[in-house]
Amino acid sequence: MNIFPKCPYCGESYYQENYSTTTAMYWTPIFKNGELINENPNITTTYCTCCNCGKSFSYTNKEYSKMQTSLDCLVSRTDADLTDLSVL
C-alpha cells in the first residue's frame, strides 16, 4: 500500500524533499526465509517544501498520516522550485 505525504496546510501531495535526518541507533536486520522479521528502530524525518503553497513541513517513516509543520518559514511559490539547499 502506497501512502503519499500531504502538505498539512493545503492538503496537496505536491512537494520537494529538501533533506532527511535519521536517528543513529545500532540495528541488525534479521531475516527468516528471505523476509525481514525485525523492524528498524531508527526514525527518518524528511523535510519538504510544498510546491503548491510554498510552506515547509516534515514527515517520518513511522507515521505518514501525521504531517508536522517545520522550520516555520514561508517560501515563495517560485522559490519552491529551487534544487539546492544550504544547511548551516
PDB file of N, CA and C in Angstrom:
ATOM      1  N   MET A   1       0.841  -1.176   0.000  1.00  0.00           N
ATOM      2  CA  MET A   1       0.000   0.000   0.000  1.00  0.00           C
ATOM      3  C   MET A   1       0.891   1.246   0.000  1.00  0.00           C
ATOM      4  N   ASN A   2       0.710   2.106  -0.976  1.00  0.00           N
ATOM      5  CA  ASN A   2       1.468   3.346  -1.040  1.00  0.00           C
ATOM      6  C   ASN A   2       0.757   4.433  -0.257  1.00  0.00           C
ATOM      7  N   ILE A   3       1.519   5.118   0.574  1.00  0.00           N
ATOM      8  CA  ILE A   3       0.985   6.237   1.334  1.00  0.00           C
ATOM      9  C   ILE A   3       1.730   7.474   0.866  1.00  0.00           C
ATOM     10  N   PHE A   4       1.005   8.505   0.459  1.00  0.00           N
ATOM     11  CA  PHE A   4       1.617   9.712  -0.048  1.00  0.00           C
ATOM     12  C   PHE A   4       1.475  10.831   0.973  1.00  0.00           C
ATOM     13  N   PRO A   5       2.601  11.382   1.427  1.00  0.00           N
ATOM     14  CA  PRO A   5       2.529  12.518   2.354  1.00  0.00           C
ATOM     15  C   PRO A   5       1.826  13.701   1.694  1.00  0.00           C
ATOM     16  N   LYS A   6       1.070  14.441   2.494  1.00  0.00           N
ATOM     17  CA  LYS A   6       0.363  15.622   2.006  1.00  0.00           C
ATOM     18  C   LYS A   6       0.732  16.813   2.864  1.00  0.00           C
ATOM     19  N   CYS A   7       0.755  17.977   2.269  1.00  0.00           N
ATOM     20  CA  CYS A   7       1.032  19.213   2.982  1.00  0.00           C
ATOM     21  C   CYS A   7      -0.074  19.446   4.008  1.00  0.00           C
ATOM     22  N   PRO A   8       0.277  19.710   5.280  1.00  0.00           N
ATOM     23  CA  PRO A   8      -0.752  19.945   6.296  1.00  0.00           C
ATOM     24  C   PRO A   8      -1.441  21.297   6.131  1.00  0.00           C
ATOM     25  N   TYR A   9      -0.914  22.166   5.292  1.00  0.00           N
ATOM     26  CA  TYR A   9      -1.514  23.487   5.082  1.00  0.00           C
ATOM     27  C   TYR A   9      -2.564  23.466   3.978  1.00  0.00           C
ATOM     28  N   CYS A  10      -2.201  22.905   2.813  1.00  0.00           N
ATOM     29  CA  CYS A  10      -3.124  22.961   1.674  1.00  0.00           C
ATOM     30  C   CYS A  10      -3.685  21.601   1.281  1.00  0.00           C
ATOM     31  N   GLY A  11      -3.130  20.520   1.830  1.00  0.00           N
ATOM     32  CA  GLY A  11      -3.653  19.185   1.568  1.00  0.00           C
ATOM     33  C   GLY A  11      -3.165  18.547   0.281  1.00  0.00           C
ATOM     34  N   GLU A  12      -2.295  19.212  -0.465  1.00  0.00           N
ATOM     35  CA  GLU A  12      -1.785  18.659  -1.715  1.00  0.00           C
ATOM     36  C   GLU A  12      -0.595  17.739  -1.465  1.00  0.00           C
ATOM     37  N   SER A  13      -0.441  16.743  -2.305  1.00  0.00           N
ATOM     38  CA  SER A  13       0.722  15.875  -2.261  1.00  0.00           C
ATOM     39  C   SER A  13       1.623  16.245  -3.442  1.00  0.00           C
ATOM     40  N   TYR A  14       2.147  17.469  -3.397  1.00  0.00           N
ATOM     41  CA  TYR A  14       2.985  18.033  -4.454  1.00  0.00           C
ATOM     42  C   TYR A  14       4.106  18.776  -3.748  1.00  0.00           C
ATOM     43  N   TYR A  15       5.236  18.105  -3.576  1.00  0.00           N
ATOM     44  CA  TYR A  15       6.288  18.638  -2.718  1.00  0.00           C
ATOM     45  C   TYR A  15       7.658  18.215  -3.216  1.00  0.00           C
ATOM     46  N   GLN A  16       8.673  18.933  -2.740  1.00  0.00           N
ATOM     47  CA  GLN A  16      10.048  18.514  -2.977  1.00  0.00           C
ATOM     48  C   GLN A  16      10.656  18.122  -1.644  1.00  0.00           C
ATOM     49  N   GLU A  17      11.464  17.071  -1.657  1.00  0.00           N
ATOM     50  CA  GLU A  17      12.173  16.645  -0.460  1.00  0.00           C
ATOM     51  C   GLU A  17      13.491  17.402  -0.409  1.00  0.00           C
ATOM     52  N   ASN A  18      13.692  18.203   0.636  1.00  0.00           N
ATOM     53  CA  ASN A  18      14.898  19.004   0.757  1.00  0.00           C
ATOM     54  C   ASN A  18      16.054  18.217   1.368  1.00  0.00           C
ATOM     55  N   TYR A  19      15.803  17.552   2.491  1.00  0.00           N
ATOM     56  CA  TYR A  19      16.810  16.723   3.133  1.00  0.00           C
ATOM     57  C   TYR A  19      16.126  15.829   4.152  1.00  0.00           C
ATOM     58  N   SER A  20      16.867  14.815   4.612  1.00  0.00           N
ATOM     59  CA  SER A  20      16.357  13.880   5.614  1.00  0.00           C
ATOM     60  C   SER A  20      17.382  13.717   6.720  1.00  0.00           C
ATOM     61  N   THR A  21      16.891  13.427   7.921  1.00  0.00           N
ATOM     62  CA  THR A  21      17.758  13.082   9.045  1.00  0.00           C
ATOM     63  C   THR A  21      17.293  11.738   9.595  1.00  0.00           C
ATOM     64  N   THR A  22      18.238  10.973  10.122  1.00  0.00           N
ATOM     65  CA  THR A  22      17.910   9.657  10.661  1.00  0.00           C
ATOM     66  C   THR A  22      18.588   9.486  12.011  1.00  0.00           C
ATOM     67  N   THR A  23      17.863   8.913  12.965  1.00  0.00           N
ATOM     68  CA  THR A  23      18.477   8.602  14.249  1.00  0.00           C
ATOM     69  C   THR A  23      19.558   7.548  14.015  1.00  0.00           C
ATOM     70  N   ALA A  24      20.474   7.429  14.944  1.00  0.00           N
ATOM     71  CA  ALA A  24      21.631   6.552  14.731  1.00  0.00           C
ATOM     72  C   ALA A  24      21.698   5.426  15.755  1.00  0.00           C
ATOM     73  N   MET A  25      20.622   4.686  15.899  1.00  0.00           N
ATOM     74  CA  MET A  25      20.635   3.528  16.786  1.00  0.00           C
ATOM     75  C   MET A  25      21.157   2.324  16.011  1.00  0.00           C
ATOM     76  N   TYR A  26      22.001   1.548  16.656  1.00  0.00           N
ATOM     77  CA  TYR A  26      22.504   0.343  16.014  1.00  0.00           C
ATOM     78  C   TYR A  26      21.352  -0.642  15.826  1.00  0.00           C
ATOM     79  N   TRP A  27      21.347  -1.288  14.675  1.00  0.00           N
ATOM     80  CA  TRP A  27      20.284  -2.248  14.370  1.00  0.00           C
ATOM     81  C   TRP A  27      20.839  -3.301  13.427  1.00  0.00           C
ATOM     82  N   THR A  28      20.590  -4.543  13.745  1.00  0.00           N
ATOM     83  CA  THR A  28      20.986  -5.637  12.875  1.00  0.00           C
ATOM     84  C   THR A  28      19.738  -6.236  12.246  1.00  0.00           C
ATOM     85  N   PRO A  29      19.595  -6.146  10.928  1.00  0.00           N
ATOM     86  CA  PRO A  29      18.437  -6.762  10.283  1.00  0.00           C
ATOM     87  C   PRO A  29      18.495  -8.284  10.433  1.00  0.00           C
ATOM     88  N   ILE A  30      17.366  -8.894  10.756  1.00  0.00           N
ATOM     89  CA  ILE A  30      17.277 -10.342  10.880  1.00  0.00           C
ATOM     90  C   ILE A  30      16.241 -10.829   9.872  1.00  0.00           C
ATOM     91  N   PHE A  31      16.638 -11.808   9.073  1.00  0.00           N
ATOM     92  CA  PHE A  31      15.769 -12.345   8.027  1.00  0.00           C
ATOM     93  C   PHE A  31      15.460 -13.810   8.304  1.00  0.00           C
ATOM     94  N   LYS A  32      14.247 -14.205   7.964  1.00  0.00           N
ATOM     95  CA  LYS A  32      13.850 -15.607   8.029  1.00  0.00           C
ATOM     96  C   LYS A  32      13.144 -15.927   6.721  1.00  0.00           C
ATOM     97  N   ASN A  33      13.658 -16.925   6.020  1.00  0.00           N
ATOM     98  CA  ASN A  33      13.108 -17.304   4.721  1.00  0.00           C
ATOM     99  C   ASN A  33      13.026 -16.113   3.773  1.00  0.00           C
ATOM    100  N   GLY A  34      14.046 -15.252   3.825  1.00  0.00           N
ATOM    101  CA  GLY A  34      14.115 -14.111   2.919  1.00  0.00           C
ATOM    102  C   GLY A  34      13.256 -12.923   3.295  1.00  0.00           C
ATOM    103  N   GLU A  35      12.583 -12.979   4.456  1.00  0.00           N
ATOM    104  CA  GLU A  35      11.715 -11.888   4.876  1.00  0.00           C
ATOM    105  C   GLU A  35      12.264 -11.241   6.146  1.00  0.00           C
ATOM    106  N   LEU A  36      12.314  -9.923   6.136  1.00  0.00           N
ATOM    107  CA  LEU A  36      12.784  -9.179   7.304  1.00  0.00           C
ATOM    108  C   LEU A  36      11.802  -9.388   8.456  1.00  0.00           C
ATOM    109  N   ILE A  37      12.310  -9.830   9.613  1.00  0.00           N
ATOM    110  CA  ILE A  37      11.395 -10.134  10.718  1.00  0.00           C
ATOM    111  C   ILE A  37      11.530  -9.179  11.903  1.00  0.00           C
ATOM    112  N   ASN A  38      12.492  -8.252  11.867  1.00  0.00           N
ATOM    113  CA  ASN A  38      12.564  -7.260  12.943  1.00  0.00           C
ATOM    114  C   ASN A  38      12.570  -5.866  12.326  1.00  0.00           C
ATOM    115  N   GLU A  39      11.900  -4.952  12.974  1.00  0.00           N
ATOM    116  CA  GLU A  39      11.733  -3.604  12.447  1.00  0.00           C
ATOM    117  C   GLU A  39      12.919  -2.715  12.783  1.00  0.00           C
ATOM    118  N   ASN A  40      13.318  -1.898  11.837  1.00  0.00           N
ATOM    119  CA  ASN A  40      14.376  -0.922  12.056  1.00  0.00           C
ATOM    120  C   ASN A  40      13.874   0.114  13.064  1.00  0.00           C
ATOM    121  N   PRO A  41      14.554   0.280  14.213  1.00  0.00           N
ATOM    122  CA  PRO A  41      14.080   1.220  15.232  1.00  0.00           C
ATOM    123  C   PRO A  41      14.396   2.682  14.905  1.00  0.00           C
ATOM    124  N   ASN A  42      15.219   2.923  13.897  1.00  0.00           N
ATOM    125  CA  ASN A  42      15.590   4.286  13.542  1.00  0.00           C
ATOM    126  C   ASN A  42      14.417   5.018  12.906  1.00  0.00           C
ATOM    127  N   ILE A  43      14.376   6.307  13.155  1.00  0.00           N
ATOM    128  CA  ILE A  43      13.321   7.155  12.605  1.00  0.00           C
ATOM    129  C   ILE A  43      13.961   8.120  11.618  1.00  0.00           C
ATOM    130  N   THR A  44      13.434   8.132  10.412  1.00  0.00           N
ATOM    131  CA  THR A  44      13.892   9.068   9.395  1.00  0.00           C
ATOM    132  C   THR A  44      12.859  10.172   9.269  1.00  0.00           C
ATOM    133  N   THR A  45      13.298  11.410   9.392  1.00  0.00           N
ATOM    134  CA  THR A  45      12.431  12.569   9.216  1.00  0.00           C
ATOM    135  C   THR A  45      12.836  13.244   7.917  1.00  0.00           C
ATOM    136  N   THR A  46      11.868  13.441   7.038  1.00  0.00           N
ATOM    137  CA  THR A  46      12.110  14.077   5.749  1.00  0.00           C
ATOM    138  C   THR A  46      11.503  15.470   5.772  1.00  0.00           C
ATOM    139  N   TYR A  47      12.315  16.473   5.431  1.00  0.00           N
ATOM    140  CA  TYR A  47      11.891  17.874   5.433  1.00  0.00           C
ATOM    141  C   TYR A  47      11.575  18.295   4.006  1.00  0.00           C
ATOM    142  N   CYS A  48      10.400  18.849   3.820  1.00  0.00           N
ATOM    143  CA  CYS A  48       9.890  19.137   2.486  1.00  0.00           C
ATOM    144  C   CYS A  48       9.436  20.577   2.342  1.00  0.00           C
ATOM    145  N   THR A  49       9.290  20.996   1.099  1.00  0.00           N
ATOM    146  CA  THR A  49       8.655  22.262   0.758  1.00  0.00           C
ATOM    147  C   THR A  49       7.519  21.944  -0.199  1.00  0.00           C
ATOM    148  N   CYS A  50       6.335  22.422   0.129  1.00  0.00           N
ATOM    149  CA  CYS A  50       5.176  22.199  -0.716  1.00  0.00           C
ATOM    150  C   CYS A  50       5.320  23.034  -1.989  1.00  0.00           C
ATOM    151  N   CYS A  51       5.196  22.409  -3.139  1.00  0.00           N
ATOM    152  CA  CYS A  51       5.296  23.120  -4.419  1.00  0.00           C
ATOM    153  C   CYS A  51       3.984  23.804  -4.780  1.00  0.00           C
ATOM    154  N   ASN A  52       2.932  23.541  -4.012  1.00  0.00           N
ATOM    155  CA  ASN A  52       1.652  24.189  -4.265  1.00  0.00           C
ATOM    156  C   ASN A  52       1.526  25.501  -3.496  1.00  0.00           C
ATOM    157  N   CYS A  53       1.790  25.465  -2.172  1.00  0.00           N
ATOM    158  CA  CYS A  53       1.619  26.677  -1.357  1.00  0.00           C
ATOM    159  C   CYS A  53       2.940  27.262  -0.872  1.00  0.00           C
ATOM    160  N   GLY A  54       4.064  26.523  -1.019  1.00  0.00           N
ATOM    161  CA  GLY A  54       5.372  27.039  -0.647  1.00  0.00           C
ATOM    162  C   GLY A  54       5.741  26.912   0.814  1.00  0.00           C
ATOM    163  N   LYS A  55       4.903  26.293   1.627  1.00  0.00           N
ATOM    164  CA  LYS A  55       5.198  26.167   3.056  1.00  0.00           C
ATOM    165  C   LYS A  55       6.005  24.892   3.327  1.00  0.00           C
ATOM    166  N   SER A  56       6.727  24.916   4.449  1.00  0.00           N
ATOM    167  CA  SER A  56       7.572  23.786   4.835  1.00  0.00           C
ATOM    168  C   SER A  56       6.822  22.839   5.759  1.00  0.00           C
ATOM    169  N   PHE A  57       7.101  21.542   5.623  1.00  0.00           N
ATOM    170  CA  PHE A  57       6.546  20.535   6.524  1.00  0.00           C
ATOM    171  C   PHE A  57       7.492  19.348   6.554  1.00  0.00           C
ATOM    172  N   SER A  58       7.266  18.448   7.472  1.00  0.00           N
ATOM    173  CA  SER A  58       8.096  17.250   7.554  1.00  0.00           C
ATOM    174  C   SER A  58       7.221  16.046   7.857  1.00  0.00           C
ATOM    175  N   TYR A  59       7.768  14.860   7.578  1.00  0.00           N
ATOM    176  CA  TYR A  59       7.084  13.621   7.936  1.00  0.00           C
ATOM    177  C   TYR A  59       8.131  12.587   8.316  1.00  0.00           C
ATOM    178  N   THR A  60       7.708  11.561   9.034  1.00  0.00           N
ATOM    179  CA  THR A  60       8.627  10.499   9.431  1.00  0.00           C
ATOM    180  C   THR A  60       8.234   9.197   8.764  1.00  0.00           C
ATOM    181  N   ASN A  61       9.160   8.263   8.743  1.00  0.00           N
ATOM    182  CA  ASN A  61       8.884   6.956   8.166  1.00  0.00           C
ATOM    183  C   ASN A  61       8.009   6.107   9.085  1.00  0.00           C
ATOM    184  N   LYS A  62       7.771   6.572  10.305  1.00  0.00           N
ATOM    185  CA  LYS A  62       6.967   5.793  11.255  1.00  0.00           C
ATOM    186  C   LYS A  62       5.486   6.155  11.208  1.00  0.00           C
ATOM    187  N   GLU A  63       5.161   7.370  10.829  1.00  0.00           N
ATOM    188  CA  GLU A  63       3.755   7.774  10.851  1.00  0.00           C
ATOM    189  C   GLU A  63       3.486   8.817   9.768  1.00  0.00           C
ATOM    190  N   TYR A  64       3.195   8.337   8.551  1.00  0.00           N
ATOM    191  CA  TYR A  64       2.950   9.228   7.427  1.00  0.00           C
ATOM    192  C   TYR A  64       1.679  10.042   7.592  1.00  0.00           C
ATOM    193  N   SER A  65       0.706   9.502   8.326  1.00  0.00           N
ATOM    194  CA  SER A  65      -0.583  10.176   8.406  1.00  0.00           C
ATOM    195  C   SER A  65      -0.537  11.452   9.237  1.00  0.00           C
ATOM    196  N   LYS A  66       0.516  11.626  10.036  1.00  0.00           N
ATOM    197  CA  LYS A  66       0.603  12.807  10.887  1.00  0.00           C
ATOM    198  C   LYS A  66       1.708  13.721  10.380  1.00  0.00           C
ATOM    199  N   MET A  67       1.376  14.648   9.515  1.00  0.00           N
ATOM    200  CA  MET A  67       2.342  15.581   8.974  1.00  0.00           C
ATOM    201  C   MET A  67       2.645  16.647  10.022  1.00  0.00           C
ATOM    202  N   GLN A  68       3.874  17.045  10.119  1.00  0.00           N
ATOM    203  CA  GLN A  68       4.289  18.057  11.076  1.00  0.00           C
ATOM    204  C   GLN A  68       4.773  19.289  10.322  1.00  0.00           C
ATOM    205  N   THR A  69       4.417  20.454  10.823  1.00  0.00           N
ATOM    206  CA  THR A  69       4.977  21.667  10.241  1.00  0.00           C
ATOM    207  C   THR A  69       6.383  21.822  10.774  1.00  0.00           C
ATOM    208  N   SER A  70       7.248  22.393   9.980  1.00  0.00           N
ATOM    209  CA  SER A  70       8.629  22.535  10.417  1.00  0.00           C
ATOM    210  C   SER A  70       9.219  23.835   9.915  1.00  0.00           C
ATOM    211  N   LEU A  71      10.236  24.288  10.574  1.00  0.00           N
ATOM    212  CA  LEU A  71      11.044  25.427  10.183  1.00  0.00           C
ATOM    213  C   LEU A  71      10.295  26.750  10.175  1.00  0.00           C
ATOM    214  N   ASP A  72       9.007  26.768  10.392  1.00  0.00           N
ATOM    215  CA  ASP A  72       8.194  27.978  10.483  1.00  0.00           C
ATOM    216  C   ASP A  72       8.622  29.058   9.493  1.00  0.00           C
ATOM    217  N   CYS A  73       8.833  28.692   8.265  1.00  0.00           N
ATOM    218  CA  CYS A  73       9.201  29.690   7.268  1.00  0.00           C
ATOM    219  C   CYS A  73       8.277  29.569   6.070  1.00  0.00           C
ATOM    220  N   LEU A  74       8.092  30.660   5.411  1.00  0.00           N
ATOM    221  CA  LEU A  74       7.259  30.685   4.216  1.00  0.00           C
ATOM    222  C   LEU A  74       8.188  30.852   3.022  1.00  0.00           C
ATOM    223  N   VAL A  75       8.098  29.948   2.079  1.00  0.00           N
ATOM    224  CA  VAL A  75       8.917  30.013   0.882  1.00  0.00           C
ATOM    225  C   VAL A  75       7.990  30.382  -0.263  1.00  0.00           C
ATOM    226  N   SER A  76       8.376  31.389  -1.028  1.00  0.00           N
ATOM    227  CA  SER A  76       7.508  31.798  -2.126  1.00  0.00           C
ATOM    228  C   SER A  76       7.352  30.658  -3.115  1.00  0.00           C
ATOM    229  N   ARG A  77       6.271  30.668  -3.840  1.00  0.00           N
ATOM    230  CA  ARG A  77       5.993  29.581  -4.767  1.00  0.00           C
ATOM    231  C   ARG A  77       7.099  29.449  -5.815  1.00  0.00           C
ATOM    232  N   THR A  78       7.653  30.567  -6.263  1.00  0.00           N
ATOM    233  CA  THR A  78       8.729  30.487  -7.252  1.00  0.00           C
ATOM    234  C   THR A  78       9.989  29.904  -6.630  1.00  0.00           C
ATOM    235  N   ASP A  79      10.271  30.233  -5.365  1.00  0.00           N
ATOM    236  CA  ASP A  79      11.446  29.688  -4.693  1.00  0.00           C
ATOM    237  C   ASP A  79      11.275  28.214  -4.349  1.00  0.00           C
ATOM    238  N   ALA A  80      10.060  27.725  -4.330  1.00  0.00           N
ATOM    239  CA  ALA A  80       9.819  26.315  -4.004  1.00  0.00           C
ATOM    240  C   ALA A  80      10.394  25.402  -5.073  1.00  0.00           C
ATOM    241  N   ASP A  81      10.731  25.947  -6.239  1.00  0.00           N
ATOM    242  CA  ASP A  81      11.302  25.147  -7.307  1.00  0.00           C
ATOM    243  C   ASP A  81      12.822  25.059  -7.246  1.00  0.00           C
ATOM    244  N   LEU A  82      13.453  25.642  -6.209  1.00  0.00           N
ATOM    245  CA  LEU A  82      14.902  25.593  -6.085  1.00  0.00           C
ATOM    246  C   LEU A  82      15.360  24.149  -5.883  1.00  0.00           C
ATOM    247  N   THR A  83      16.520  23.814  -6.437  1.00  0.00           N
ATOM    248  CA  THR A  83      17.036  22.462  -6.290  1.00  0.00           C
ATOM    249  C   THR A  83      18.168  22.378  -5.291  1.00  0.00           C
ATOM    250  N   ASP A  84      18.804  23.504  -4.956  1.00  0.00           N
ATOM    251  CA  ASP A  84      19.913  23.495  -3.991  1.00  0.00           C
ATOM    252  C   ASP A  84      19.429  24.038  -2.657  1.00  0.00           C
ATOM    253  N   LEU A  85      19.954  23.467  -1.576  1.00  0.00           N
ATOM    254  CA  LEU A  85      19.584  23.893  -0.250  1.00  0.00           C
ATOM    255  C   LEU A  85      20.845  23.995   0.588  1.00  0.00           C
ATOM    256  N   SER A  86      21.029  25.110   1.236  1.00  0.00           N
ATOM    257  CA  SER A  86      22.166  25.280   2.122  1.00  0.00           C
ATOM    258  C   SER A  86      21.715  25.025   3.550  1.00  0.00           C
ATOM    259  N   VAL A  87      22.417  24.176   4.247  1.00  0.00           N
ATOM    260  CA  VAL A  87      22.089  23.854   5.632  1.00  0.00           C
ATOM    261  C   VAL A  87      23.288  24.249   6.476  1.00  0.00           C
ATOM    262  N   LEU A  88      23.028  25.073   7.484  1.00  0.00           N
ATOM    263  CA  LEU A  88      24.123  25.509   8.359  1.00  0.00           C
ATOM    264  C   LEU A  88      24.276  24.568   9.516  1.00  0.00           C
TER     265      LEU A  88
END
